[in-house]
Amino acid sequence: MTRTLRRADVFWADVLKQVDWYREKAGPEVAEGYVNAVEATLQTLAN
């Protein structure tokens, strides 16, 4: 069964804010890892 996830604009705003923080404090590789983890989590929740 596949579920549809609803993501509010504030969700994306929070994700982008966190990505910027990781990029600044830990570097682009860590920021990319965070994005990959968020995407994987959303995929898991949708399944």
N, C-alpha and C. Protein backbone atom coordinates (compact mmCIF):
# COMPACT_ATOMS: atom_id res chain seq x y z
N MET A 1 0.85 -1.17 0.00
CA MET A 1 0.00 0.00 0.00
C MET A 1 0.90 1.24 0.00
N THR A 2 0.61 2.17 -0.87
CA THR A 2 1.34 3.42 -0.94
C THR A 2 0.49 4.53 -0.35
N ARG A 3 1.07 5.29 0.55
CA ARG A 3 0.36 6.41 1.17
C ARG A 3 0.80 7.71 0.51
N THR A 4 -0.09 8.66 0.52
CA THR A 4 0.25 9.99 0.04
C THR A 4 0.61 10.86 1.23
N LEU A 5 1.80 11.42 1.17
CA LEU A 5 2.24 12.30 2.25
C LEU A 5 1.92 13.74 1.87
N ARG A 6 1.41 14.46 2.81
CA ARG A 6 1.16 15.88 2.61
C ARG A 6 2.23 16.65 3.36
N ARG A 7 2.94 17.50 2.64
CA ARG A 7 4.01 18.29 3.25
C ARG A 7 3.67 19.76 3.12
N ALA A 8 3.52 20.40 4.22
CA ALA A 8 3.18 21.82 4.24
C ALA A 8 4.39 22.66 3.84
N ASP A 9 4.10 23.87 3.42
CA ASP A 9 5.18 24.80 3.05
C ASP A 9 6.17 24.98 4.19
N VAL A 10 5.68 24.98 5.43
CA VAL A 10 6.59 25.15 6.57
C VAL A 10 7.53 23.97 6.70
N PHE A 11 7.10 22.79 6.27
CA PHE A 11 7.98 21.63 6.28
C PHE A 11 9.20 21.90 5.39
N TRP A 12 8.93 22.34 4.15
CA TRP A 12 10.02 22.61 3.22
C TRP A 12 10.89 23.76 3.70
N ALA A 13 10.28 24.77 4.30
CA ALA A 13 11.06 25.89 4.84
C ALA A 13 12.02 25.40 5.92
N ASP A 14 11.54 24.52 6.79
CA ASP A 14 12.40 23.97 7.85
C ASP A 14 13.53 23.12 7.26
N VAL A 15 13.20 22.31 6.26
CA VAL A 15 14.23 21.48 5.63
C VAL A 15 15.31 22.37 5.00
N LEU A 16 14.90 23.38 4.26
CA LEU A 16 15.87 24.27 3.62
C LEU A 16 16.72 25.02 4.64
N LYS A 17 16.10 25.43 5.73
CA LYS A 17 16.85 26.11 6.79
C LYS A 17 17.91 25.18 7.38
N GLN A 18 17.52 23.93 7.59
CA GLN A 18 18.47 22.96 8.15
C GLN A 18 19.58 22.66 7.16
N VAL A 19 19.25 22.54 5.88
CA VAL A 19 20.26 22.30 4.85
C VAL A 19 21.28 23.43 4.84
N ASP A 20 20.80 24.66 4.90
CA ASP A 20 21.70 25.81 4.94
C ASP A 20 22.62 25.76 6.16
N TRP A 21 22.06 25.38 7.30
CA TRP A 21 22.85 25.30 8.53
C TRP A 21 23.95 24.24 8.39
N TYR A 22 23.57 23.05 7.90
CA TYR A 22 24.57 21.99 7.71
C TYR A 22 25.63 22.42 6.72
N ARG A 23 25.23 23.07 5.63
CA ARG A 23 26.20 23.51 4.63
C ARG A 23 27.21 24.49 5.25
N GLU A 24 26.70 25.40 6.07
CA GLU A 24 27.56 26.41 6.69
C GLU A 24 28.46 25.82 7.77
N LYS A 25 27.89 24.99 8.62
CA LYS A 25 28.62 24.49 9.80
C LYS A 25 29.44 23.23 9.54
N ALA A 26 28.97 22.37 8.62
CA ALA A 26 29.63 21.08 8.45
C ALA A 26 30.06 20.79 7.02
N GLY A 27 29.62 21.60 6.07
CA GLY A 27 30.05 21.42 4.69
C GLY A 27 28.97 20.83 3.80
N PRO A 28 29.19 20.95 2.50
CA PRO A 28 28.17 20.51 1.53
C PRO A 28 27.91 19.01 1.54
N GLU A 29 28.91 18.22 1.88
CA GLU A 29 28.69 16.77 1.90
C GLU A 29 27.71 16.38 2.99
N VAL A 30 27.83 17.01 4.13
CA VAL A 30 26.91 16.72 5.24
C VAL A 30 25.50 17.21 4.88
N ALA A 31 25.42 18.38 4.28
CA ALA A 31 24.11 18.91 3.86
C ALA A 31 23.45 17.97 2.86
N GLU A 32 24.22 17.47 1.93
CA GLU A 32 23.67 16.53 0.95
C GLU A 32 23.22 15.23 1.61
N GLY A 33 23.99 14.77 2.59
CA GLY A 33 23.59 13.58 3.34
C GLY A 33 22.28 13.78 4.07
N TYR A 34 22.10 14.99 4.61
CA TYR A 34 20.83 15.31 5.28
C TYR A 34 19.67 15.25 4.30
N VAL A 35 19.85 15.86 3.13
CA VAL A 35 18.80 15.82 2.10
C VAL A 35 18.49 14.38 1.72
N ASN A 36 19.50 13.58 1.53
CA ASN A 36 19.29 12.17 1.17
C ASN A 36 18.53 11.43 2.28
N ALA A 37 18.86 11.73 3.52
CA ALA A 37 18.17 11.09 4.64
C ALA A 37 16.71 11.51 4.71
N VAL A 38 16.44 12.79 4.48
CA VAL A 38 15.05 13.26 4.48
C VAL A 38 14.27 12.58 3.36
N GLU A 39 14.85 12.53 2.17
CA GLU A 39 14.17 11.89 1.04
C GLU A 39 13.91 10.41 1.31
N ALA A 40 14.89 9.73 1.87
CA ALA A 40 14.72 8.30 2.18
C ALA A 40 13.64 8.09 3.23
N THR A 41 13.61 8.95 4.22
CA THR A 41 12.59 8.85 5.27
C THR A 41 11.19 9.07 4.69
N LEU A 42 11.06 10.08 3.84
CA LEU A 42 9.76 10.34 3.21
C LEU A 42 9.32 9.16 2.36
N GLN A 43 10.26 8.57 1.64
CA GLN A 43 9.95 7.39 0.82
C GLN A 43 9.49 6.23 1.71
N THR A 44 10.17 6.01 2.82
CA THR A 44 9.80 4.95 3.74
C THR A 44 8.40 5.18 4.31
N LEU A 45 8.13 6.41 4.70
CA LEU A 45 6.81 6.73 5.27
C LEU A 45 5.69 6.57 4.24
N ALA A 46 6.01 6.80 2.98
CA ALA A 46 5.00 6.71 1.93
C ALA A 46 4.65 5.26 1.60
N ASN A 47 5.55 4.34 1.95
CA ASN A 47 5.31 2.91 1.61
C ASN A 47 4.67 2.15 2.73
